[in-house]
PDB file of N, CA and C in Angstrom:
ATOM      1  N   MET A   1     100.486 -27.743 132.608  1.00  0.00           N
ATOM      2  CA  MET A   1     100.682 -29.035 132.015  1.00  0.00           C
ATOM      3  C   MET A   1     100.534 -28.882 130.512  1.00  0.00           C
ATOM      4  N   ASN A   2     101.474 -29.419 129.771  1.00  0.00           N
ATOM      5  CA  ASN A   2     101.423 -29.323 128.322  1.00  0.00           C
ATOM      6  C   ASN A   2     101.793 -30.685 127.757  1.00  0.00           C
ATOM      7  N   THR A   3     100.872 -31.312 127.001  1.00  0.00           N
ATOM      8  CA  THR A   3     101.099 -32.650 126.462  1.00  0.00           C
ATOM      9  C   THR A   3     100.480 -32.760 125.080  1.00  0.00           C
ATOM     10  N   GLU A   4     101.110 -33.517 124.210  1.00  0.00           N
ATOM     11  CA  GLU A   4     100.544 -33.818 122.898  1.00  0.00           C
ATOM     12  C   GLU A   4     100.372 -35.325 122.802  1.00  0.00           C
ATOM     13  N   VAL A   5      99.164 -35.764 122.450  1.00  0.00           N
ATOM     14  CA  VAL A   5      98.875 -37.191 122.313  1.00  0.00           C
ATOM     15  C   VAL A   5      97.959 -37.420 121.120  1.00  0.00           C
ATOM     16  N   VAL A   6      97.890 -38.666 120.671  1.00  0.00           N
ATOM     17  CA  VAL A   6      96.964 -39.067 119.617  1.00  0.00           C
ATOM     18  C   VAL A   6      96.052 -40.119 120.238  1.00  0.00           C
ATOM     19  N   LEU A   7      94.736 -39.856 120.188  1.00  0.00           N
ATOM     20  CA  LEU A   7      93.763 -40.767 120.776  1.00  0.00           C
ATOM     21  C   LEU A   7      92.635 -41.033 119.808  1.00  0.00           C
ATOM     22  N   LYS A   8      91.979 -42.170 119.999  1.00  0.00           N
ATOM     23  CA  LYS A   8      90.768 -42.470 119.248  1.00  0.00           C
ATOM     24  C   LYS A   8      89.591 -41.792 119.946  1.00  0.00           C
ATOM     25  N   ASP A   9      88.470 -41.677 119.256  1.00  0.00           N
ATOM     26  CA  ASP A   9      87.254 -41.124 119.848  1.00  0.00           C
ATOM     27  C   ASP A   9      86.859 -41.967 121.061  1.00  0.00           C
ATOM     28  N   ASN A  10      86.559 -41.321 122.181  1.00  0.00           N
ATOM     29  CA  ASN A  10      86.144 -41.942 123.447  1.00  0.00           C
ATOM     30  C   ASN A  10      87.230 -42.745 124.156  1.00  0.00           C
ATOM     31  N   GLN A  11      88.474 -42.659 123.713  1.00  0.00           N
ATOM     32  CA  GLN A  11      89.565 -43.346 124.403  1.00  0.00           C
ATOM     33  C   GLN A  11      89.994 -42.496 125.596  1.00  0.00           C
ATOM     34  N   VAL A  12      90.159 -43.113 126.762  1.00  0.00           N
ATOM     35  CA  VAL A  12      90.478 -42.382 127.997  1.00  0.00           C
ATOM     36  C   VAL A  12      91.992 -42.249 128.143  1.00  0.00           C
ATOM     37  N   LEU A  13      92.423 -41.045 128.506  1.00  0.00           N
ATOM     38  CA  LEU A  13      93.828 -40.766 128.775  1.00  0.00           C
ATOM     39  C   LEU A  13      93.950 -40.321 130.230  1.00  0.00           C
ATOM     40  N   VAL A  14      94.842 -40.955 130.990  1.00  0.00           N
ATOM     41  CA  VAL A  14      95.129 -40.520 132.359  1.00  0.00           C
ATOM     42  C   VAL A  14      96.344 -39.614 132.268  1.00  0.00           C
ATOM     43  N   MET A  15      96.133 -38.315 132.551  1.00  0.00           N
ATOM     44  CA  MET A  15      97.199 -37.328 132.369  1.00  0.00           C
ATOM     45  C   MET A  15      98.199 -37.318 133.521  1.00  0.00           C
ATOM     46  N   ASP A  16      97.699 -37.117 134.723  1.00  0.00           N
ATOM     47  CA  ASP A  16      98.587 -36.897 135.857  1.00  0.00           C
ATOM     48  C   ASP A  16      97.755 -36.964 137.116  1.00  0.00           C
ATOM     49  N   GLY A  17      98.396 -36.827 138.242  1.00  0.00           N
ATOM     50  CA  GLY A  17      97.663 -36.826 139.490  1.00  0.00           C
ATOM     51  C   GLY A  17      98.440 -36.130 140.597  1.00  0.00           C
ATOM     52  N   LEU A  18      97.719 -35.759 141.621  1.00  0.00           N
ATOM     53  CA  LEU A  18      98.311 -35.153 142.815  1.00  0.00           C
ATOM     54  C   LEU A  18      97.961 -36.044 144.005  1.00  0.00           C
ATOM     55  N   MET A  19      98.921 -36.267 144.880  1.00  0.00           N
ATOM     56  CA  MET A  19      98.668 -37.059 146.076  1.00  0.00           C
ATOM     57  C   MET A  19      99.049 -36.246 147.308  1.00  0.00           C
ATOM     58  N   ARG A  20      98.233 -36.394 148.355  1.00  0.00           N
ATOM     59  CA  ARG A  20      98.512 -35.704 149.608  1.00  0.00           C
ATOM     60  C   ARG A  20      98.203 -36.651 150.754  1.00  0.00           C
ATOM     61  N   THR A  21      99.110 -36.698 151.720  1.00  0.00           N
ATOM     62  CA  THR A  21      98.893 -37.493 152.924  1.00  0.00           C
ATOM     63  C   THR A  21      98.888 -36.559 154.118  1.00  0.00           C
ATOM     64  N   THR A  22      97.833 -36.657 154.934  1.00  0.00           N
ATOM     65  CA  THR A  22      97.705 -35.822 156.127  1.00  0.00           C
ATOM     66  C   THR A  22      97.780 -36.723 157.358  1.00  0.00           C
ATOM     67  N   THR A  23      98.594 -36.324 158.319  1.00  0.00           N
ATOM     68  CA  THR A  23      98.733 -37.075 159.563  1.00  0.00           C
ATOM     69  C   THR A  23      98.183 -36.223 160.704  1.00  0.00           C
ATOM     70  N   THR A  24      97.305 -36.834 161.531  1.00  0.00           N
ATOM     71  CA  THR A  24      96.734 -36.135 162.676  1.00  0.00           C
ATOM     72  C   THR A  24      97.016 -36.937 163.942  1.00  0.00           C
ATOM     73  N   ASP A  25      97.641 -36.288 164.919  1.00  0.00           N
ATOM     74  CA  ASP A  25      97.895 -36.922 166.217  1.00  0.00           C
ATOM     75  C   ASP A  25      96.898 -36.379 167.231  1.00  0.00           C
ATOM     76  N   THR A  26      96.215 -37.290 167.947  1.00  0.00           N
ATOM     77  CA  THR A  26      95.205 -36.901 168.927  1.00  0.00           C
ATOM     78  C   THR A  26      95.533 -37.547 170.266  1.00  0.00           C
ATOM     79  N   THR A  27      95.469 -36.743 171.321  1.00  0.00           N
ATOM     80  CA  THR A  27      95.680 -37.243 172.677  1.00  0.00           C
ATOM     81  C   THR A  27      94.398 -37.017 173.466  1.00  0.00           C
ATOM     82  N   SER A  28      93.935 -38.055 174.153  1.00  0.00           N
ATOM     83  CA  SER A  28      92.734 -37.910 174.976  1.00  0.00           C
ATOM     84  C   SER A  28      92.945 -38.651 176.285  1.00  0.00           C
ATOM     85  N   GLY A  29      92.127 -38.315 177.255  1.00  0.00           N
ATOM     86  CA  GLY A  29      92.227 -38.977 178.555  1.00  0.00           C
ATOM     87  C   GLY A  29      91.733 -38.082 179.672  1.00  0.00           C
ATOM     88  N   ILE A  30      92.033 -38.495 180.885  1.00  0.00           N
ATOM     89  CA  ILE A  30      91.606 -37.745 182.072  1.00  0.00           C
ATOM     90  C   ILE A  30      92.529 -36.542 182.250  1.00  0.00           C
ATOM     91  N   PRO A  31      91.949 -35.325 182.282  1.00  0.00           N
ATOM     92  CA  PRO A  31      92.777 -34.123 182.422  1.00  0.00           C
ATOM     93  C   PRO A  31      93.700 -34.218 183.645  1.00  0.00           C
ATOM     94  N   ILE A  32      94.827 -33.637 183.529  1.00  0.00           N
ATOM     95  CA  ILE A  32      95.890 -33.572 184.529  1.00  0.00           C
ATOM     96  C   ILE A  32      96.552 -34.938 184.716  1.00  0.00           C
ATOM     97  N   LEU A  33      95.766 -35.996 184.969  1.00  0.00           N
ATOM     98  CA  LEU A  33      96.355 -37.319 185.196  1.00  0.00           C
ATOM     99  C   LEU A  33      97.080 -37.848 183.957  1.00  0.00           C
ATOM    100  N   LYS A  34      96.533 -37.583 182.770  1.00  0.00           N
ATOM    101  CA  LYS A  34      97.167 -38.072 181.544  1.00  0.00           C
ATOM    102  C   LYS A  34      98.499 -37.376 181.263  1.00  0.00           C
ATOM    103  N   ASP A  35      98.750 -36.239 181.905  1.00  0.00           N
ATOM    104  CA  ASP A  35      99.977 -35.480 181.680  1.00  0.00           C
ATOM    105  C   ASP A  35     101.073 -35.794 182.693  1.00  0.00           C
ATOM    106  N   LEU A  36     100.790 -36.676 183.672  1.00  0.00           N
ATOM    107  CA  LEU A  36     101.787 -37.023 184.677  1.00  0.00           C
ATOM    108  C   LEU A  36     102.912 -37.853 184.064  1.00  0.00           C
ATOM    109  N   PRO A  37     104.162 -37.565 184.445  1.00  0.00           N
ATOM    110  CA  PRO A  37     105.271 -38.359 183.911  1.00  0.00           C
ATOM    111  C   PRO A  37     105.166 -39.818 184.387  1.00  0.00           C
ATOM    112  N   TYR A  38     105.588 -40.739 183.547  1.00  0.00           N
ATOM    113  CA  TYR A  38     105.656 -42.180 183.806  1.00  0.00           C
ATOM    114  C   TYR A  38     104.293 -42.867 183.877  1.00  0.00           C
ATOM    115  N   ILE A  39     103.352 -42.381 184.668  1.00  0.00           N
ATOM    116  CA  ILE A  39     102.067 -43.084 184.820  1.00  0.00           C
ATOM    117  C   ILE A  39     100.939 -42.448 184.002  1.00  0.00           C
ATOM    118  N   GLY A  40     101.198 -41.347 183.317  1.00  0.00           N
ATOM    119  CA  GLY A  40     100.169 -40.643 182.550  1.00  0.00           C
ATOM    120  C   GLY A  40      99.537 -41.489 181.458  1.00  0.00           C
ATOM    121  N   LYS A  41     100.327 -42.415 180.875  1.00  0.00           N
ATOM    122  CA  LYS A  41      99.789 -43.256 179.799  1.00  0.00           C
ATOM    123  C   LYS A  41      98.695 -44.200 180.292  1.00  0.00           C
ATOM    124  N   LEU A  42      98.638 -44.441 181.589  1.00  0.00           N
ATOM    125  CA  LEU A  42      97.575 -45.283 182.150  1.00  0.00           C
ATOM    126  C   LEU A  42      96.219 -44.570 182.128  1.00  0.00           C
ATOM    127  N   PHE A  43      96.237 -43.255 182.070  1.00  0.00           N
ATOM    128  CA  PHE A  43      95.013 -42.451 182.158  1.00  0.00           C
ATOM    129  C   PHE A  43      94.632 -41.772 180.834  1.00  0.00           C
ATOM    130  N   GLY A  44      95.290 -42.159 179.755  1.00  0.00           N
ATOM    131  CA  GLY A  44      94.976 -41.532 178.469  1.00  0.00           C
ATOM    132  C   GLY A  44      95.372 -42.415 177.307  1.00  0.00           C
ATOM    133  N   SER A  45      95.149 -41.892 176.137  1.00  0.00           N
ATOM    134  CA  SER A  45      95.528 -42.627 174.919  1.00  0.00           C
ATOM    135  C   SER A  45      95.977 -41.645 173.846  1.00  0.00           C
ATOM    136  N   GLU A  46      96.791 -42.150 172.935  1.00  0.00           N
ATOM    137  CA  GLU A  46      97.256 -41.363 171.794  1.00  0.00           C
ATOM    138  C   GLU A  46      96.844 -42.086 170.526  1.00  0.00           C
ATOM    139  N   THR A  47      96.316 -41.324 169.571  1.00  0.00           N
ATOM    140  CA  THR A  47      95.869 -41.891 168.305  1.00  0.00           C
ATOM    141  C   THR A  47      96.495 -41.117 167.152  1.00  0.00           C
ATOM    142  N   THR A  48      96.983 -41.850 166.165  1.00  0.00           N
ATOM    143  CA  THR A  48      97.515 -41.230 164.956  1.00  0.00           C
ATOM    144  C   THR A  48      96.639 -41.664 163.790  1.00  0.00           C
ATOM    145  N   THR A  49      96.144 -40.677 163.019  1.00  0.00           N
ATOM    146  CA  THR A  49      95.278 -40.946 161.880  1.00  0.00           C
ATOM    147  C   THR A  49      95.967 -40.473 160.602  1.00  0.00           C
ATOM    148  N   PHE A  50      95.978 -41.339 159.594  1.00  0.00           N
ATOM    149  CA  PHE A  50      96.552 -41.000 158.300  1.00  0.00           C
ATOM    150  C   PHE A  50      95.415 -40.892 157.290  1.00  0.00           C
ATOM    151  N   LYS A  51      95.400 -39.807 156.516  1.00  0.00           N
ATOM    152  CA  LYS A  51      94.386 -39.620 155.482  1.00  0.00           C
ATOM    153  C   LYS A  51      95.111 -39.356 154.167  1.00  0.00           C
ATOM    154  N   LYS A  52      94.793 -40.166 153.161  1.00  0.00           N
ATOM    155  CA  LYS A  52      95.446 -40.022 151.858  1.00  0.00           C
ATOM    156  C   LYS A  52      94.413 -39.560 150.841  1.00  0.00           C
ATOM    157  N   THR A  53      94.738 -38.498 150.103  1.00  0.00           N
ATOM    158  CA  THR A  53      93.850 -37.942 149.089  1.00  0.00           C
ATOM    159  C   THR A  53      94.577 -37.958 147.751  1.00  0.00           C
ATOM    160  N   GLU A  54      93.882 -38.432 146.716  1.00  0.00           N
ATOM    161  CA  GLU A  54      94.465 -38.459 145.378  1.00  0.00           C
ATOM    162  C   GLU A  54      93.531 -37.757 144.394  1.00  0.00           C
ATOM    163  N   LEU A  55      94.113 -36.938 143.535  1.00  0.00           N
ATOM    164  CA  LEU A  55      93.375 -36.257 142.481  1.00  0.00           C
ATOM    165  C   LEU A  55      93.977 -36.700 141.156  1.00  0.00           C
ATOM    166  N   MET A  56      93.146 -37.312 140.318  1.00  0.00           N
ATOM    167  CA  MET A  56      93.615 -37.791 139.021  1.00  0.00           C
ATOM    168  C   MET A  56      92.924 -36.992 137.910  1.00  0.00           C
ATOM    169  N   ILE A  57      93.633 -36.776 136.814  1.00  0.00           N
ATOM    170  CA  ILE A  57      93.073 -36.051 135.679  1.00  0.00           C
ATOM    171  C   ILE A  57      92.871 -37.048 134.530  1.00  0.00           C
ATOM    172  N   PHE A  58      91.601 -37.230 134.130  1.00  0.00           N
ATOM    173  CA  PHE A  58      91.254 -38.108 133.024  1.00  0.00           C
ATOM    174  C   PHE A  58      90.711 -37.257 131.878  1.00  0.00           C
ATOM    175  N   ILE A  59      91.136 -37.559 130.666  1.00  0.00           N
ATOM    176  CA  ILE A  59      90.651 -36.841 129.491  1.00  0.00           C
ATOM    177  C   ILE A  59      90.075 -37.857 128.511  1.00  0.00           C
ATOM    178  N   THR A  60      88.858 -37.588 128.046  1.00  0.00           N
ATOM    179  CA  THR A  60      88.207 -38.439 127.047  1.00  0.00           C
ATOM    180  C   THR A  60      87.761 -37.548 125.887  1.00  0.00           C
ATOM    181  N   PRO A  61      88.433 -37.634 124.742  1.00  0.00           N
ATOM    182  CA  PRO A  61      88.024 -36.807 123.602  1.00  0.00           C
ATOM    183  C   PRO A  61      86.770 -37.367 122.929  1.00  0.00           C
ATOM    184  N   HIS A  62      85.960 -36.474 122.394  1.00  0.00           N
ATOM    185  CA  HIS A  62      84.771 -36.843 121.638  1.00  0.00           C
ATOM    186  C   HIS A  62      84.816 -36.092 120.310  1.00  0.00           C
ATOM    187  N   VAL A  63      84.754 -36.824 119.215  1.00  0.00           N
ATOM    188  CA  VAL A  63      84.775 -36.204 117.892  1.00  0.00           C
ATOM    189  C   VAL A  63      83.359 -35.749 117.551  1.00  0.00           C
ATOM    190  N   ILE A  64      83.231 -34.467 117.233  1.00  0.00           N
ATOM    191  CA  ILE A  64      81.935 -33.888 116.871  1.00  0.00           C
ATOM    192  C   ILE A  64      81.956 -33.633 115.381  1.00  0.00           C
ATOM    193  N   SER A  65      81.047 -34.306 114.668  1.00  0.00           N
ATOM    194  CA  SER A  65      81.113 -34.258 113.211  1.00  0.00           C
ATOM    195  C   SER A  65      80.119 -33.304 112.551  1.00  0.00           C
ATOM    196  N   ASN A  66      79.122 -32.817 113.327  1.00  0.00           N
ATOM    197  CA  ASN A  66      78.169 -31.887 112.706  1.00  0.00           C
ATOM    198  C   ASN A  66      77.651 -30.896 113.745  1.00  0.00           C
ATOM    199  N   SER A  67      76.927 -29.889 113.286  1.00  0.00           N
ATOM    200  CA  SER A  67      76.466 -28.821 114.182  1.00  0.00           C
ATOM    201  C   SER A  67      75.413 -29.311 115.175  1.00  0.00           C
ATOM    202  N   GLU A  68      74.604 -30.295 114.802  1.00  0.00           N
ATOM    203  CA  GLU A  68      73.603 -30.829 115.738  1.00  0.00           C
ATOM    204  C   GLU A  68      74.290 -31.483 116.935  1.00  0.00           C
ATOM    205  N   ASP A  69      75.320 -32.273 116.668  1.00  0.00           N
ATOM    206  CA  ASP A  69      76.078 -32.896 117.758  1.00  0.00           C
ATOM    207  C   ASP A  69      76.750 -31.830 118.628  1.00  0.00           C
ATOM    208  N   SER A  70      77.259 -30.798 117.955  1.00  0.00           N
ATOM    209  CA  SER A  70      77.916 -29.715 118.681  1.00  0.00           C
ATOM    210  C   SER A  70      76.948 -29.029 119.639  1.00  0.00           C
ATOM    211  N   GLU A  71      75.752 -28.731 119.175  1.00  0.00           N
ATOM    212  CA  GLU A  71      74.748 -28.091 120.030  1.00  0.00           C
ATOM    213  C   GLU A  71      74.336 -29.014 121.185  1.00  0.00           C
ATOM    214  N   PHE A  72      74.179 -30.293 120.901  1.00  0.00           N
ATOM    215  CA  PHE A  72      73.815 -31.260 121.945  1.00  0.00           C
ATOM    216  C   PHE A  72      74.882 -31.310 123.028  1.00  0.00           C
ATOM    217  N   VAL A  73      76.143 -31.403 122.626  1.00  0.00           N
ATOM    218  CA  VAL A  73      77.246 -31.468 123.590  1.00  0.00           C
ATOM    219  C   VAL A  73      77.335 -30.179 124.395  1.00  0.00           C
ATOM    220  N   THR A  74      77.127 -29.046 123.741  1.00  0.00           N
ATOM    221  CA  THR A  74      77.175 -27.754 124.437  1.00  0.00           C
ATOM    222  C   THR A  74      76.077 -27.659 125.495  1.00  0.00           C
ATOM    223  N   ARG A  75      74.855 -28.058 125.144  1.00  0.00           N
ATOM    224  CA  ARG A  75      73.752 -28.043 126.116  1.00  0.00           C
ATOM    225  C   ARG A  75      74.042 -28.974 127.297  1.00  0.00           C
ATOM    226  N   LYS A  76      74.556 -30.151 126.996  1.00  0.00           N
ATOM    227  CA  LYS A  76      74.873 -31.127 128.040  1.00  0.00           C
ATOM    228  C   LYS A  76      75.952 -30.582 128.988  1.00  0.00           C
ATOM    229  N   PHE A  77      76.968 -29.934 128.413  1.00  0.00           N
ATOM    230  CA  PHE A  77      78.048 -29.359 129.216  1.00  0.00           C
ATOM    231  C   PHE A  77      77.534 -28.229 130.102  1.00  0.00           C
ATOM    232  N   LYS A  78      76.692 -27.357 129.559  1.00  0.00           N
ATOM    233  CA  LYS A  78      76.122 -26.260 130.349  1.00  0.00           C
ATOM    234  C   LYS A  78      75.274 -26.805 131.496  1.00  0.00           C
ATOM    235  N   LYS A  79      74.532 -27.883 131.237  1.00  0.00           N
ATOM    236  CA  LYS A  79      73.717 -28.488 132.290  1.00  0.00           C
ATOM    237  C   LYS A  79      74.596 -29.045 133.407  1.00  0.00           C
ATOM    238  N   ARG A  80      75.715 -29.667 133.037  1.00  0.00           N
ATOM    239  CA  ARG A  80      76.653 -30.176 134.049  1.00  0.00           C
ATOM    240  C   ARG A  80      77.203 -29.038 134.906  1.00  0.00           C
ATOM    241  N   LEU A  81      77.557 -27.926 134.268  1.00  0.00           N
ATOM    242  CA  LEU A  81      78.075 -26.780 135.021  1.00  0.00           C
ATOM    243  C   LEU A  81      77.027 -26.235 135.983  1.00  0.00           C
ATOM    244  N   THR A  82      75.780 -26.167 135.548  1.00  0.00           N
ATOM    245  CA  THR A  82      74.697 -25.694 136.412  1.00  0.00           C
ATOM    246  C   THR A  82      74.528 -26.632 137.605  1.00  0.00           C
ATOM    247  N   ASN A  83      74.596 -27.941 137.350  1.00  0.00           N
ATOM    248  CA  ASN A  83      74.486 -28.915 138.439  1.00  0.00           C
ATOM    249  C   ASN A  83      75.626 -28.781 139.433  1.00  0.00           C
ATOM    250  N   LEU A  84      76.827 -28.483 138.937  1.00  0.00           N
ATOM    251  CA  LEU A  84      77.961 -28.285 139.840  1.00  0.00           C
ATOM    252  C   LEU A  84      77.764 -27.049 140.719  1.00  0.00           C
ATOM    253  N   LYS A  85      77.240 -25.990 140.127  1.00  0.00           N
ATOM    254  CA  LYS A  85      76.972 -24.774 140.906  1.00  0.00           C
ATOM    255  C   LYS A  85      75.957 -25.058 142.003  1.00  0.00           C
ATOM    256  N   ASN A  86      74.960 -25.887 141.714  1.00  0.00           N
ATOM    257  CA  ASN A  86      73.933 -26.215 142.709  1.00  0.00           C
ATOM    258  C   ASN A  86      74.490 -27.066 143.835  1.00  0.00           C
ATOM    259  N   LEU A  87      75.590 -27.787 143.600  1.00  0.00           N
ATOM    260  CA  LEU A  87      76.202 -28.623 144.637  1.00  0.00           C
ATOM    261  C   LEU A  87      77.166 -27.849 145.526  1.00  0.00           C
ATOM    262  N   ASP A  88      77.497 -26.636 145.156  1.00  0.00           N
ATOM    263  CA  ASP A  88      78.469 -25.825 145.895  1.00  0.00           C
ATOM    264  C   ASP A  88      77.907 -25.483 147.278  1.00  0.00           C
ATOM    265  N   PRO A  89      78.543 -25.983 148.378  1.00  0.00           N
ATOM    266  CA  PRO A  89      78.018 -25.722 149.725  1.00  0.00           C
ATOM    267  C   PRO A  89      78.111 -24.247 150.133  1.00  0.00           C
ATOM    268  N   ARG A  90      78.943 -23.466 149.482  1.00  0.00           N
ATOM    269  CA  ARG A  90      79.069 -22.042 149.815  1.00  0.00           C
ATOM    270  C   ARG A  90      77.855 -21.263 149.353  1.00  0.00           C
ATOM    271  N   ARG A  91      77.076 -21.833 148.434  1.00  0.00           N
ATOM    272  CA  ARG A  91      75.926 -21.136 147.881  1.00  0.00           C
ATOM    273  C   ARG A  91      74.657 -21.398 148.701  1.00  0.00           C
ATOM    274  N   SER A  92      74.763 -22.212 149.745  1.00  0.00           N
ATOM    275  CA  SER A  92      73.576 -22.545 150.558  1.00  0.00           C
ATOM    276  C   SER A  92      73.164 -21.411 151.453  1.00  0.00           C
TER     277      SER A  92
END
């Protein structure tokens, strides 16, 4: 993705997004009887489930005017990354 924009400090930009729809068909019921032609539907049920997932990209620029602000933002960002690593279920 390559974009050029002009924004004010702390103004939010919505860049793009990805959407995915997943469909799941499930059949349940009494074994063998649910598979009989014509009368099988009396002994079972069919369910269709739709799941929609959306991923949006938001960008908020922050103007850093001095080295103290820069260090503060850097520490805050590193702390966020550490917190994300701690939430990773693969690391349990």
